[in-house]
């Protein structure tokens, strides 16, 4: 009760003070009416207070308070004006403000009741959405659609996701796009930004967006053989905006077989423990994480293989008993097969080219444990040691369909050195005479042409077989006769392995032993091993099986031919 009385007394004093400002010296005249029609036109921080004219009033003074029971805190100047603009207002918990107006005439006054009003809620712009960016090597253009209630926009660009500090800020503008230039990779996400909409002092920020500068395509990659066996070093020109490089190596151009991937910050990369004698494929791309550039064109490089030593035996088996006569008293093949097998195995050869070795009749492979049949056709069987060689491919060629002459071939790769060689097994037209020499010449030319067509990688070639030709073809009793295969081969740069041998063994023994004793020793060989000029000869011999006294061949004969074996060194490539 006492507090209400005290508060009323205080208000009375304030009203007295307020009205005293209007009264001034006492003047005669009618007392003015109290102002009416009080009105507040507001924004979120200001108000224009107006009122209607009061009868007999010559001056007015308004006051502002924050509550009905609070004293006025702000007063308008005393004047005849009927409006007052108040700024710097802030919203409160209840009715924001109250005001009253006192009309005066001389010393006489009358005051209106309190009029309450609320400030308008502030207009806050919507946050920008639908933001797009167009990014090039060092430039980013950011654009967005209009945000509701926004009058201007600004963009904060920073190197950190938190945007705690703007590295660059665009000036507020009504434009809805901003371009930043001179950008460069910073590691990880290159830049982060947000767009802020503004309206007066109010603003709203978009979500944070990220800029990853693109990396240019690496123009090319240059692989080169490393110093160590089975190693490669590749280099490439620097790409724009490359933070890292991704380097890949594979065994196929589709980059799927035995794929290796290396990430490096340098413009070079090395790989080791690669397979020699193998073609590898390479490509590289720039990375500005997480942006990845286009892959470079794929480049290929073949790692050189090591030199390989091969042992080749050519051996006419007479496996179909065509050579068996009453005169030579040779055993049938079913008996001779074991003898021939023992001789072949004892030669130390790891590649064996046999003629007159029909697959179904002869079955010579049974005598060669650990060997595989690389190729067979028309009584020519080409065997290889499976523990030493990998069979890559094989086939046959037709020398003369009319005469039923064919050759078989196989690409063999030495497992240790990874060097490949093409081995041919051939049996040319038999018998002597100029006309038949011409036939053999034609067959040899066809052989060279067709082997060249299958030798896509220009591998060294070994031609082994029964050529039915030697220097005796040019004897007087065969007018015009000549060693046709030798002539054709030599013209093509292909040589007889015997001519390259420094210490040939049993050279004088004819390779066609004809199942006779004593041995024929005129150095006439119908069985030959011709070689690519890149191949060198380590050893050459006619493989003979002699009787214990050394004076003649051991009996029974395994076949009517002696084997010819050459130990050859094939260069790596």
Protein backbone atom coordinates (compact mmCIF):
# COMPACT_ATOMS: atom_id res chain seq x y z
CA UNK A 1 0.00 0.00 0.00
CA UNK A 2 2.76 2.40 0.96
CA UNK A 3 4.73 1.46 -2.20
CA UNK A 4 1.75 2.23 -4.46
CA UNK A 5 1.27 5.56 -2.75
CA UNK A 6 4.98 6.34 -3.17
CA UNK A 7 4.96 5.38 -6.85
CA UNK A 8 1.89 7.55 -7.48
CA UNK A 9 3.57 10.48 -5.78
CA UNK A 10 6.65 10.05 -7.96
CA UNK A 11 4.58 9.93 -11.14
CA UNK A 12 2.75 13.02 -10.02
CA UNK A 13 6.01 14.85 -9.56
CA UNK A 14 7.18 13.79 -13.07
CA UNK A 15 3.92 14.90 -14.63
CA UNK A 16 4.26 18.18 -12.78
CA UNK A 17 7.78 18.62 -14.10
CA UNK A 18 6.68 17.52 -17.59
CA UNK A 19 3.77 19.93 -17.69
CA UNK A 20 5.78 22.72 -16.16
CA UNK A 21 7.92 22.68 -19.28
CA UNK A 22 4.81 23.56 -21.22
CA UNK A 23 3.34 26.21 -18.93
CA UNK A 24 6.01 28.86 -18.68
CA UNK A 25 4.69 32.16 -17.43
CA UNK A 26 1.04 32.22 -16.54
CA UNK A 27 -1.19 33.36 -19.38
CA UNK A 28 -4.87 33.86 -19.61
CA UNK A 29 -7.00 31.89 -21.99
CA UNK A 30 -9.02 28.71 -22.25
CA UNK A 31 -7.43 25.47 -21.17
CA UNK A 32 -6.45 23.24 -24.14
CA UNK A 33 -8.10 19.91 -24.71
CA UNK A 34 -6.12 16.69 -24.23
CA UNK A 35 -4.52 15.44 -27.46
CA UNK A 36 -6.29 12.57 -29.19
CA UNK A 37 -5.63 10.30 -32.16
CA UNK A 38 -2.21 9.21 -30.92
CA UNK A 39 -0.54 6.97 -33.49
CA UNK A 40 2.85 5.24 -33.85
CA UNK A 41 4.25 4.32 -37.27
CA UNK A 42 7.18 1.98 -36.64
CA UNK A 43 10.10 0.17 -38.11
CA UNK A 44 12.13 -2.40 -36.19
CA UNK A 45 14.31 0.39 -34.67
CA UNK A 46 12.32 3.62 -34.93
CA UNK A 47 8.88 5.16 -34.58
CA UNK A 48 7.13 8.26 -35.92
CA UNK A 49 4.68 9.39 -33.24
CA UNK A 50 1.77 11.61 -34.37
CA UNK A 51 -1.44 13.02 -32.89
CA UNK A 52 -4.38 15.16 -33.85
CA UNK A 53 -4.55 18.87 -33.03
CA UNK A 54 -5.97 19.65 -29.59
CA UNK A 55 -8.53 22.48 -29.29
CA UNK A 56 -7.02 25.71 -27.87
CA UNK A 57 -3.50 24.14 -27.85
CA UNK A 58 -0.58 26.22 -29.09
CA UNK A 59 2.22 23.80 -28.26
CA UNK A 60 2.89 20.13 -27.59
CA UNK A 61 5.41 17.96 -25.86
CA UNK A 62 5.56 14.10 -26.07
CA UNK A 63 7.31 11.67 -23.78
CA UNK A 64 8.32 8.03 -24.20
CA UNK A 65 8.40 5.25 -21.61
CA UNK A 66 8.98 1.50 -21.72
CA UNK A 67 6.10 0.58 -19.41
CA UNK A 68 2.87 2.02 -18.07
CA UNK A 69 4.25 2.28 -14.55
CA UNK A 70 7.65 3.62 -15.54
CA UNK A 71 8.59 7.27 -15.80
CA UNK A 72 9.26 8.77 -19.22
CA UNK A 73 12.86 8.49 -20.31
CA UNK A 74 12.79 10.52 -23.52
CA UNK A 75 11.01 13.79 -24.32
CA UNK A 76 10.32 15.62 -27.52
CA UNK A 77 11.11 19.32 -27.89
CA UNK A 78 8.21 21.63 -27.00
CA UNK A 79 6.80 22.97 -30.26
CA UNK A 80 3.70 23.34 -32.30
CA UNK A 81 4.59 20.24 -34.32
CA UNK A 82 2.30 17.27 -34.02
CA UNK A 83 4.87 14.54 -34.74
CA UNK A 84 8.03 13.19 -33.18
CA UNK A 85 10.51 10.74 -34.71
CA UNK A 86 12.24 8.47 -32.24
CA UNK A 87 15.21 6.31 -33.31
CA UNK A 88 17.51 3.78 -31.72
CA UNK A 89 14.66 1.72 -30.35
CA UNK A 90 14.85 -1.94 -29.42
CA UNK A 91 12.13 -4.49 -28.91
CA UNK A 92 11.26 -5.43 -25.31
CA UNK A 93 9.61 -8.45 -23.72
CA UNK A 94 6.06 -6.99 -23.60
CA UNK A 95 4.54 -3.98 -25.35
CA UNK A 96 7.66 -2.31 -26.59
CA UNK A 97 6.94 1.37 -25.72
CA UNK A 98 4.28 3.83 -24.51
CA UNK A 99 3.96 7.55 -25.18
CA UNK A 100 1.72 10.40 -24.13
CA UNK A 101 1.35 13.95 -25.43
CA UNK A 102 0.70 17.09 -23.37
CA UNK A 103 -1.02 20.01 -25.08
CA UNK A 104 -0.34 23.52 -23.69
CA UNK A 105 -1.58 27.06 -23.95
CA UNK A 106 0.23 29.51 -21.81
CA UNK A 107 0.45 27.98 -18.38
CA UNK A 108 -2.47 25.73 -18.87
CA UNK A 109 -1.95 22.09 -20.02
CA UNK A 110 -3.79 18.88 -20.55
CA UNK A 111 -2.21 15.41 -21.12
CA UNK A 112 -3.45 12.48 -23.20
CA UNK A 113 -3.68 8.92 -21.90
CA UNK A 114 -0.70 6.60 -22.57
CA UNK A 115 -0.59 5.01 -26.01
CA UNK A 116 1.30 1.73 -26.35
CA UNK A 117 2.97 0.51 -29.54
CA UNK A 118 5.22 -2.26 -30.79
CA UNK A 119 8.13 -2.04 -33.16
CA UNK A 120 7.84 -3.89 -36.42
CA UNK A 121 9.70 -7.20 -36.48
CA UNK A 122 12.99 -6.80 -38.36
CA UNK A 123 13.00 -8.00 -41.98
CA UNK A 124 15.66 -10.74 -42.21
CA UNK A 125 16.71 -11.87 -45.68
CA UNK A 126 16.64 -15.54 -46.58
CA UNK A 127 19.96 -17.34 -46.81
CA UNK A 128 21.17 -17.75 -50.40
CA UNK A 129 20.58 -21.21 -51.91
CA UNK A 130 21.02 -22.83 -55.32
CA UNK A 131 24.63 -21.67 -55.47
CA UNK A 132 26.61 -22.64 -58.55
CA UNK A 133 30.28 -22.37 -59.33
CA UNK A 134 32.28 -22.45 -62.55
CA UNK A 135 35.92 -23.29 -61.87
CA UNK A 136 38.92 -23.11 -64.20
CA UNK A 137 42.65 -23.48 -63.57
CA UNK A 138 42.95 -20.32 -61.42
CA UNK A 139 39.52 -18.72 -61.44
CA UNK A 140 36.15 -19.40 -59.86
CA UNK A 141 32.87 -17.67 -60.68
CA UNK A 142 30.18 -18.09 -58.01
CA UNK A 143 26.54 -17.29 -58.80
CA UNK A 144 23.18 -17.70 -57.08
CA UNK A 145 19.49 -16.83 -57.50
CA UNK A 146 17.91 -13.95 -55.62
CA UNK A 147 17.24 -14.51 -51.91
CA UNK A 148 13.92 -13.23 -50.53
CA UNK A 149 14.14 -9.85 -48.76
CA UNK A 150 17.83 -9.45 -49.66
CA UNK A 151 19.06 -6.11 -50.97
CA UNK A 152 22.75 -6.98 -51.35
CA UNK A 153 25.17 -9.89 -51.17
CA UNK A 154 28.78 -10.58 -50.25
CA UNK A 155 31.04 -13.65 -50.51
CA UNK A 156 33.65 -14.74 -47.97
CA UNK A 157 36.44 -16.89 -49.46
CA UNK A 158 38.79 -18.74 -47.12
CA UNK A 159 41.41 -21.47 -47.12
CA UNK A 160 39.83 -23.25 -44.15
CA UNK A 161 36.48 -24.93 -43.83
CA UNK A 162 35.58 -23.05 -40.66
CA UNK A 163 35.84 -19.70 -42.48
CA UNK A 164 37.20 -18.20 -39.28
CA UNK A 165 38.94 -15.60 -41.39
CA UNK A 166 38.14 -14.50 -44.92
CA UNK A 167 41.14 -14.50 -47.23
CA UNK A 168 39.06 -12.48 -49.66
CA UNK A 169 35.66 -10.82 -49.28
CA UNK A 170 33.63 -9.31 -52.06
CA UNK A 171 32.08 -5.91 -51.38
CA UNK A 172 28.31 -5.98 -50.69
CA UNK A 173 26.50 -5.56 -53.97
CA UNK A 174 23.13 -6.24 -55.55
CA UNK A 175 24.88 -8.37 -58.16
CA UNK A 176 24.39 -12.09 -57.80
CA UNK A 177 27.75 -13.35 -59.04
CA UNK A 178 31.34 -12.91 -57.95
CA UNK A 179 34.55 -13.96 -59.71
CA UNK A 180 37.77 -14.66 -57.84
CA UNK A 181 40.99 -14.87 -59.86
CA UNK A 182 44.58 -15.79 -59.10
CA UNK A 183 43.59 -18.95 -57.25
CA UNK A 184 46.07 -21.76 -56.65
CA UNK A 185 46.02 -25.15 -54.88
CA UNK A 186 46.37 -24.99 -51.12
CA UNK A 187 46.28 -28.72 -50.29
CA UNK A 188 43.13 -30.72 -49.65
CA UNK A 189 40.12 -28.56 -50.40
CA UNK A 190 41.65 -25.50 -52.05
CA UNK A 191 39.05 -22.94 -50.95
CA UNK A 192 35.82 -22.71 -48.97
CA UNK A 193 33.22 -19.98 -49.24
CA UNK A 194 29.75 -18.90 -48.27
CA UNK A 195 27.45 -16.28 -49.72
CA UNK A 196 25.80 -13.85 -47.31
CA UNK A 197 22.57 -11.95 -48.08
CA UNK A 198 22.03 -8.53 -46.50
CA UNK A 199 19.13 -6.24 -45.69
CA UNK A 200 20.03 -3.31 -43.52
CA UNK A 201 21.86 -4.60 -40.49
CA UNK A 202 20.41 -8.05 -40.92
CA UNK A 203 22.08 -10.84 -42.91
CA UNK A 204 21.89 -14.59 -43.52
CA UNK A 205 24.67 -16.93 -44.64
CA UNK A 206 24.49 -19.84 -47.06
CA UNK A 207 25.90 -23.27 -46.40
CA UNK A 208 29.67 -23.61 -46.80
CA UNK A 209 30.77 -24.63 -50.29
CA UNK A 210 34.10 -25.97 -51.49
CA UNK A 211 36.30 -25.18 -54.48
CA UNK A 212 38.71 -27.77 -55.84
CA UNK A 213 40.77 -26.39 -58.68
CA UNK A 214 41.00 -28.80 -61.63
CA UNK A 215 44.29 -30.36 -62.68
CA UNK A 216 45.32 -30.35 -66.31
CA UNK A 217 45.98 -33.56 -68.22
CA UNK A 218 49.55 -34.82 -68.16
CA UNK A 219 50.52 -34.53 -71.82
CA UNK A 220 52.74 -37.60 -71.97
CA UNK A 221 54.68 -40.09 -69.89
CA UNK A 222 58.16 -41.27 -70.87
CA UNK A 223 59.13 -44.66 -69.44
CA UNK A 224 62.76 -45.75 -69.61
CA UNK A 225 64.59 -48.87 -68.54
CA UNK A 226 66.12 -48.55 -65.12
CA UNK A 227 69.68 -49.34 -64.20
CA UNK A 228 68.72 -52.51 -62.40
CA UNK A 229 67.34 -55.56 -64.18
CA UNK A 230 63.56 -55.54 -64.14
CA UNK A 231 63.22 -51.86 -63.24
CA UNK A 232 61.64 -48.86 -64.93
CA UNK A 233 61.85 -45.11 -64.35
CA UNK A 234 59.19 -42.88 -65.87
CA UNK A 235 59.03 -39.10 -66.08
CA UNK A 236 56.46 -36.59 -67.28
CA UNK A 237 55.95 -32.81 -67.55
CA UNK A 238 54.32 -30.99 -64.65
CA UNK A 239 50.57 -30.45 -64.85
CA UNK A 240 48.69 -27.32 -63.82
CA UNK A 241 47.39 -27.44 -60.22
CA UNK A 242 48.94 -30.85 -59.55
CA UNK A 243 49.26 -31.55 -55.86
CA UNK A 244 50.06 -35.23 -56.48
CA UNK A 245 50.45 -37.59 -59.39
CA UNK A 246 48.97 -41.06 -59.78
CA UNK A 247 51.27 -43.32 -61.79
CA UNK A 248 50.08 -46.68 -63.11
CA UNK A 249 51.83 -49.62 -64.73
CA UNK A 250 50.16 -52.75 -66.13
CA UNK A 251 50.75 -55.63 -68.51
CA UNK A 252 48.04 -54.60 -70.95
CA UNK A 253 46.98 -51.38 -72.62
CA UNK A 254 43.58 -51.53 -70.93
CA UNK A 255 45.49 -51.07 -67.64
CA UNK A 256 43.80 -54.02 -65.93
CA UNK A 257 46.37 -56.83 -65.89
CA UNK A 258 48.72 -56.91 -62.88
CA UNK A 259 48.00 -53.23 -62.28
CA UNK A 260 50.27 -51.25 -59.96
CA UNK A 261 49.38 -47.74 -58.77
CA UNK A 262 51.83 -45.33 -57.16
CA UNK A 263 51.08 -41.86 -55.76
CA UNK A 264 53.93 -39.36 -55.76
CA UNK A 265 54.47 -35.65 -55.39
CA UNK A 266 57.24 -35.69 -57.99
CA UNK A 267 57.17 -35.78 -61.79
CA UNK A 268 59.02 -39.08 -61.85
CA UNK A 269 58.40 -42.57 -60.51
CA UNK A 270 60.31 -45.84 -60.46
CA UNK A 271 59.21 -49.44 -60.23
CA UNK A 272 61.31 -52.54 -59.66
CA UNK A 273 60.81 -56.29 -59.45
CA UNK A 274 59.21 -56.26 -62.88
CA UNK A 275 59.31 -59.25 -65.19
CA UNK A 276 62.06 -59.06 -67.78
CA UNK A 277 61.17 -59.76 -71.38
CA UNK A 278 57.70 -58.31 -70.80
CA UNK A 279 55.96 -55.33 -72.35
CA UNK A 280 54.52 -52.95 -69.77
CA UNK A 281 52.09 -50.10 -70.26
CA UNK A 282 52.21 -46.78 -68.42
CA UNK A 283 49.99 -43.77 -67.75
CA UNK A 284 49.83 -40.91 -65.23
CA UNK A 285 47.35 -38.27 -64.11
CA UNK A 286 47.51 -35.20 -61.90
CA UNK A 287 45.56 -35.00 -58.65
CA UNK A 288 44.51 -31.90 -56.75
CA UNK A 289 42.70 -33.85 -54.06
CA UNK A 290 39.94 -34.78 -54.59
CA UNK A 291 39.95 -33.44 -58.14
CA UNK A 292 41.61 -35.80 -60.62
CA UNK A 293 42.88 -34.82 -64.05
CA UNK A 294 42.56 -36.92 -67.20
CA UNK A 295 44.93 -39.83 -67.72
CA UNK A 296 47.84 -39.28 -70.04
CA UNK A 297 47.97 -41.34 -73.23
CA UNK A 298 49.16 -44.89 -72.51
CA UNK A 299 52.79 -45.60 -73.39
CA UNK A 300 54.42 -49.01 -73.76
CA UNK A 301 57.91 -50.22 -72.95
CA UNK A 302 59.34 -53.70 -73.23
CA UNK A 303 61.85 -54.65 -70.56
CA UNK A 304 64.82 -56.42 -72.11
CA UNK A 305 65.20 -60.11 -71.51
CA UNK A 306 68.50 -61.84 -70.76
CA UNK A 307 70.42 -64.00 -73.23
CA UNK A 308 69.18 -67.59 -73.36
CA UNK A 309 71.09 -70.77 -74.08
CA UNK A 310 69.07 -73.38 -75.92
CA UNK A 311 69.89 -76.93 -77.04
CA UNK A 312 68.21 -77.91 -80.29
CA UNK A 313 68.20 -81.42 -81.76
CA UNK A 314 66.83 -82.31 -85.18
CA UNK A 315 66.20 -86.04 -85.56
CA UNK A 316 64.56 -88.02 -88.39
CA UNK A 317 63.07 -91.06 -86.62
CA UNK A 318 61.80 -93.12 -89.55
CA UNK A 319 58.98 -93.72 -87.12
CA UNK A 320 56.65 -95.17 -89.73
CA UNK A 321 59.22 -97.76 -90.83
CA UNK A 322 59.53 -96.32 -94.34
CA UNK A 323 63.29 -96.80 -94.12
CA UNK A 324 63.15 -100.44 -93.01
CA UNK A 325 64.36 -102.81 -95.76
CA UNK A 326 65.59 -106.38 -95.99
CA UNK A 327 68.99 -105.00 -96.91
CA UNK A 328 69.51 -102.85 -93.81
CA UNK A 329 67.70 -105.27 -91.52
CA UNK A 330 66.47 -102.45 -89.31
CA UNK A 331 64.07 -103.30 -86.54
CA UNK A 332 60.50 -102.08 -86.56
CA UNK A 333 59.72 -98.80 -84.82
CA UNK A 334 58.09 -100.50 -81.85
CA UNK A 335 61.55 -101.88 -81.04
CA UNK A 336 63.60 -98.89 -82.18
CA UNK A 337 61.60 -96.28 -80.29
CA UNK A 338 63.39 -96.98 -77.00
CA UNK A 339 66.79 -96.77 -78.74
CA UNK A 340 65.91 -93.46 -80.37
CA UNK A 341 64.56 -92.16 -77.08
CA UNK A 342 67.78 -93.01 -75.30
CA UNK A 343 69.83 -91.19 -77.97
CA UNK A 344 67.57 -88.11 -77.87
CA UNK A 345 67.63 -87.90 -74.09
CA UNK A 346 71.39 -88.43 -74.03
CA UNK A 347 71.96 -85.53 -76.42
CA UNK A 348 71.07 -83.04 -73.69
CA UNK A 349 68.69 -81.25 -76.03
CA UNK A 350 65.78 -79.34 -74.55
CA UNK A 351 64.09 -78.66 -77.90
CA UNK A 352 63.69 -81.67 -80.19
CA UNK A 353 62.44 -81.41 -83.78
CA UNK A 354 61.54 -84.83 -85.20
CA UNK A 355 60.60 -85.86 -88.72
CA UNK A 356 58.85 -89.02 -89.90
CA UNK A 357 57.37 -88.93 -86.46
CA UNK A 358 53.68 -89.47 -86.99
CA UNK A 359 51.78 -88.71 -83.83
CA UNK A 360 49.52 -91.78 -83.78
CA UNK A 361 52.07 -94.27 -85.05
CA UNK A 362 55.24 -93.05 -83.43
CA UNK A 363 54.26 -91.75 -79.99
CA UNK A 364 57.79 -90.53 -79.43
CA UNK A 365 56.68 -88.24 -76.65
CA UNK A 366 56.53 -91.28 -74.38
CA UNK A 367 60.32 -91.42 -74.55
CA UNK A 368 60.68 -87.81 -73.46
CA UNK A 369 59.50 -87.43 -69.86
CA UNK A 370 59.09 -83.78 -68.87
CA UNK A 371 58.67 -82.72 -72.49
CA UNK A 372 55.55 -81.30 -74.07
CA UNK A 373 54.42 -81.40 -77.68
CA UNK A 374 54.63 -77.83 -78.93
CA UNK A 375 53.39 -78.52 -82.47
CA UNK A 376 52.52 -81.46 -84.70
CA UNK A 377 51.43 -81.84 -88.30
CA UNK A 378 52.09 -84.30 -91.11
CA UNK A 379 54.67 -86.46 -89.28
CA UNK A 380 56.60 -83.52 -87.83
CA UNK A 381 56.61 -83.33 -84.03
CA UNK A 382 58.24 -80.48 -82.14
CA UNK A 383 58.93 -81.19 -78.46
CA UNK A 384 60.14 -78.88 -75.67
CA UNK A 385 61.26 -79.23 -72.07
CA UNK A 386 58.34 -77.91 -70.04
CA UNK A 387 60.49 -77.08 -67.02
CA UNK A 388 62.61 -74.70 -69.08
CA UNK A 389 60.27 -73.19 -71.64
CA UNK A 390 56.83 -71.66 -71.81
CA UNK A 391 54.91 -72.41 -74.98
CA UNK A 392 53.56 -69.08 -76.20
CA UNK A 393 51.94 -70.14 -79.47
CA UNK A 394 52.40 -72.58 -82.34
CA UNK A 395 51.14 -73.44 -85.79
CA UNK A 396 51.82 -74.96 -89.19
CA UNK A 397 52.63 -73.64 -92.64
CA UNK A 398 51.93 -75.22 -95.99
CA UNK A 399 54.96 -75.42 -98.25
CA UNK A 400 53.29 -77.38 -101.06
CA UNK A 401 49.85 -78.86 -100.65
CA UNK A 402 50.26 -80.67 -103.96
CA UNK A 403 53.37 -82.48 -102.73
CA UNK A 404 52.12 -82.76 -99.14
CA UNK A 405 54.96 -80.72 -97.65
CA UNK A 406 54.45 -78.79 -94.44
CA UNK A 407 56.36 -77.32 -91.54
CA UNK A 408 55.39 -76.72 -87.93
CA UNK A 409 56.59 -73.93 -85.67
CA UNK A 410 56.37 -72.80 -82.06
CA UNK A 411 57.24 -69.69 -80.09
CA UNK A 412 59.06 -70.82 -76.95
CA UNK A 413 60.07 -68.53 -74.12
CA UNK A 414 62.95 -69.43 -71.85
CA UNK A 415 61.50 -69.23 -68.34
CA UNK A 416 64.68 -67.96 -66.69
CA UNK A 417 65.81 -65.34 -69.17
CA UNK A 418 62.34 -64.49 -70.53
CA UNK A 419 63.80 -64.55 -74.03
CA UNK A 420 61.62 -65.95 -76.79
CA UNK A 421 62.68 -67.80 -79.91
CA UNK A 422 60.75 -69.17 -82.86
CA UNK A 423 61.66 -72.79 -83.68
CA UNK A 424 60.66 -74.38 -86.99
CA UNK A 425 60.52 -78.12 -87.79
CA UNK A 426 60.61 -78.84 -91.53
CA UNK A 427 61.02 -81.79 -93.92
CA UNK A 428 61.66 -80.80 -97.56
CA UNK A 429 61.26 -82.70 -100.81
CA UNK A 430 63.57 -85.77 -101.06
CA UNK A 431 65.91 -87.00 -103.82
CA UNK A 432 68.47 -85.24 -105.96
CA UNK A 433 68.46 -83.53 -109.32
CA UNK A 434 68.13 -80.00 -110.61
CA UNK A 435 64.37 -80.15 -110.88
CA UNK A 436 63.98 -81.31 -107.29
CA UNK A 437 66.53 -78.75 -106.13
CA UNK A 438 64.26 -76.13 -107.68
CA UNK A 439 61.33 -77.63 -105.75
CA UNK A 440 63.30 -77.38 -102.52
CA UNK A 441 64.25 -73.81 -103.39
CA UNK A 442 60.59 -72.92 -103.85
CA UNK A 443 59.61 -74.69 -100.63
CA UNK A 444 62.34 -72.86 -98.69
CA UNK A 445 61.21 -69.49 -100.04
CA UNK A 446 57.62 -70.24 -99.06
CA UNK A 447 58.86 -71.27 -95.63
CA UNK A 448 60.72 -67.99 -95.11
CA UNK A 449 57.81 -65.89 -96.30
CA UNK A 450 55.21 -67.61 -94.14
CA UNK A 451 57.35 -67.74 -91.02
CA UNK A 452 58.02 -64.01 -91.44
CA UNK A 453 54.26 -63.42 -91.53
CA UNK A 454 53.73 -65.14 -88.16
CA UNK A 455 56.86 -63.65 -86.60
CA UNK A 456 55.20 -60.37 -85.61
CA UNK A 457 57.84 -59.45 -83.05
CA UNK A 458 60.81 -60.32 -85.29
CA UNK A 459 62.03 -62.97 -82.89
CA UNK A 460 65.21 -64.89 -83.68
CA UNK A 461 64.30 -68.01 -85.67
CA UNK A 462 65.84 -71.49 -85.65
CA UNK A 463 65.06 -73.68 -88.68
CA UNK A 464 65.65 -77.35 -87.84
CA UNK A 465 64.83 -80.38 -89.93
CA UNK A 466 65.58 -82.76 -92.75
CA UNK A 467 66.24 -80.55 -95.76
CA UNK A 468 67.28 -83.44 -98.05
CA UNK A 469 70.07 -81.27 -99.38
CA UNK A 470 73.80 -80.71 -98.97
CA UNK A 471 76.92 -80.13 -101.03
CA UNK A 472 76.54 -83.55 -102.70
CA UNK A 473 73.50 -82.22 -104.58
CA UNK A 474 75.98 -80.48 -106.86
CA UNK A 475 77.83 -83.67 -107.87
CA UNK A 476 78.63 -84.17 -111.56
CA UNK A 477 76.10 -86.90 -111.90
CA UNK A 478 73.40 -84.35 -111.07
CA UNK A 479 73.93 -81.69 -113.76
CA UNK A 480 72.92 -78.25 -112.59
CA UNK A 481 72.29 -79.53 -109.09
CA UNK A 482 72.82 -77.23 -106.11
CA UNK A 483 72.20 -76.99 -102.39
CA UNK A 484 68.93 -75.07 -102.73
CA UNK A 485 68.01 -74.50 -99.06
CA UNK A 486 71.49 -73.20 -98.29
CA UNK A 487 71.37 -70.81 -101.24
CA UNK A 488 67.96 -69.42 -100.27
CA UNK A 489 68.78 -69.17 -96.58
CA UNK A 490 72.12 -67.49 -97.16
CA UNK A 491 70.51 -64.95 -99.49
CA UNK A 492 68.19 -64.06 -96.62
CA UNK A 493 71.08 -63.69 -94.17
CA UNK A 494 70.33 -67.00 -92.46
CA UNK A 495 73.30 -69.30 -91.86
CA UNK A 496 73.92 -72.94 -91.09
CA UNK A 497 74.80 -73.34 -87.42
CA UNK A 498 77.69 -75.58 -88.48
CA UNK A 499 79.38 -72.62 -90.20
CA UNK A 500 79.34 -70.70 -86.90
CA UNK A 501 80.70 -73.53 -84.77
CA UNK A 502 84.35 -73.23 -83.71
CA UNK A 503 84.86 -76.86 -82.71
CA UNK A 504 82.19 -79.02 -84.34
CA UNK A 505 82.02 -82.57 -83.02
CA UNK A 506 81.69 -85.57 -85.39
CA UNK A 507 81.46 -83.21 -88.31
CA UNK A 508 82.62 -85.78 -90.83
CA UNK A 509 79.84 -88.23 -90.00
CA UNK A 510 77.00 -87.99 -92.46
CA UNK A 511 73.72 -87.21 -90.76
CA UNK A 512 72.00 -89.83 -92.94
CA UNK A 513 73.73 -92.94 -91.62
CA UNK A 514 71.60 -95.17 -93.92
CA UNK A 515 71.85 -97.88 -91.25
CA UNK A 516 75.18 -99.07 -92.64
CA UNK A 517 78.60 -99.77 -91.22
CA UNK A 518 81.28 -98.65 -91.46
CA UNK A 519 79.93 -95.09 -91.05
CA UNK A 520 79.69 -92.82 -94.08
CA UNK A 521 82.01 -89.91 -93.35
CA UNK A 522 81.92 -87.44 -96.21
CA UNK A 523 80.60 -84.55 -94.09
CA UNK A 524 77.34 -84.62 -96.00
CA UNK A 525 74.44 -83.61 -93.82
CA UNK A 526 70.86 -83.62 -94.99
CA UNK A 527 69.78 -82.67 -91.47
CA UNK A 528 70.54 -79.06 -90.60
CA UNK A 529 69.94 -76.36 -88.04
CA UNK A 530 69.82 -72.97 -89.75
CA UNK A 531 69.85 -69.91 -87.52
CA UNK A 532 69.07 -66.21 -87.44
CA UNK A 533 72.33 -64.20 -87.72
CA UNK A 534 71.69 -62.79 -84.24
CA UNK A 535 72.16 -66.25 -82.74
CA UNK A 536 75.63 -67.51 -81.87
CA UNK A 537 76.75 -71.15 -81.75
CA UNK A 538 78.22 -72.48 -78.55
CA UNK A 539 78.56 -76.09 -79.71
CA UNK A 540 77.62 -78.22 -82.68
CA UNK A 541 77.70 -81.98 -83.15
CA UNK A 542 76.41 -84.93 -85.08
CA UNK A 543 74.94 -87.22 -82.43
CA UNK A 544 76.30 -90.72 -83.09
CA UNK A 545 75.80 -93.94 -81.17
CA UNK A 546 79.00 -95.92 -81.59
CA UNK A 547 79.88 -99.52 -80.87
CA UNK A 548 82.14 -100.15 -77.90
CA UNK A 549 85.16 -100.65 -80.15
CA UNK A 550 84.53 -97.24 -81.72
CA UNK A 551 84.83 -98.63 -85.24
CA UNK A 552 81.21 -98.47 -86.24
CA UNK A 553 77.73 -97.58 -85.20
CA UNK A 554 76.12 -99.47 -82.39
CA UNK A 555 73.46 -101.95 -83.44
CA UNK A 556 70.60 -102.21 -83.74
CA UNK A 557 70.14 -98.84 -85.43
CA UNK A 558 67.62 -96.52 -83.85
CA UNK A 559 66.89 -94.90 -87.22
CA UNK A 560 68.63 -94.31 -90.55
CA UNK A 561 69.60 -90.77 -89.47
CA UNK A 562 71.96 -89.37 -86.90
CA UNK A 563 70.68 -86.48 -84.88
CA UNK A 564 72.25 -83.04 -85.31
CA UNK A 565 72.40 -80.97 -82.15
CA UNK A 566 73.40 -77.34 -81.69
CA UNK A 567 73.89 -75.46 -78.43
CA UNK A 568 72.85 -71.91 -79.27
CA UNK A 569 73.03 -68.56 -77.50
CA UNK A 570 70.00 -66.43 -78.26
CA UNK A 571 70.45 -62.73 -77.42
CA UNK A 572 68.13 -61.02 -75.00
CA UNK A 573 65.78 -58.45 -76.44
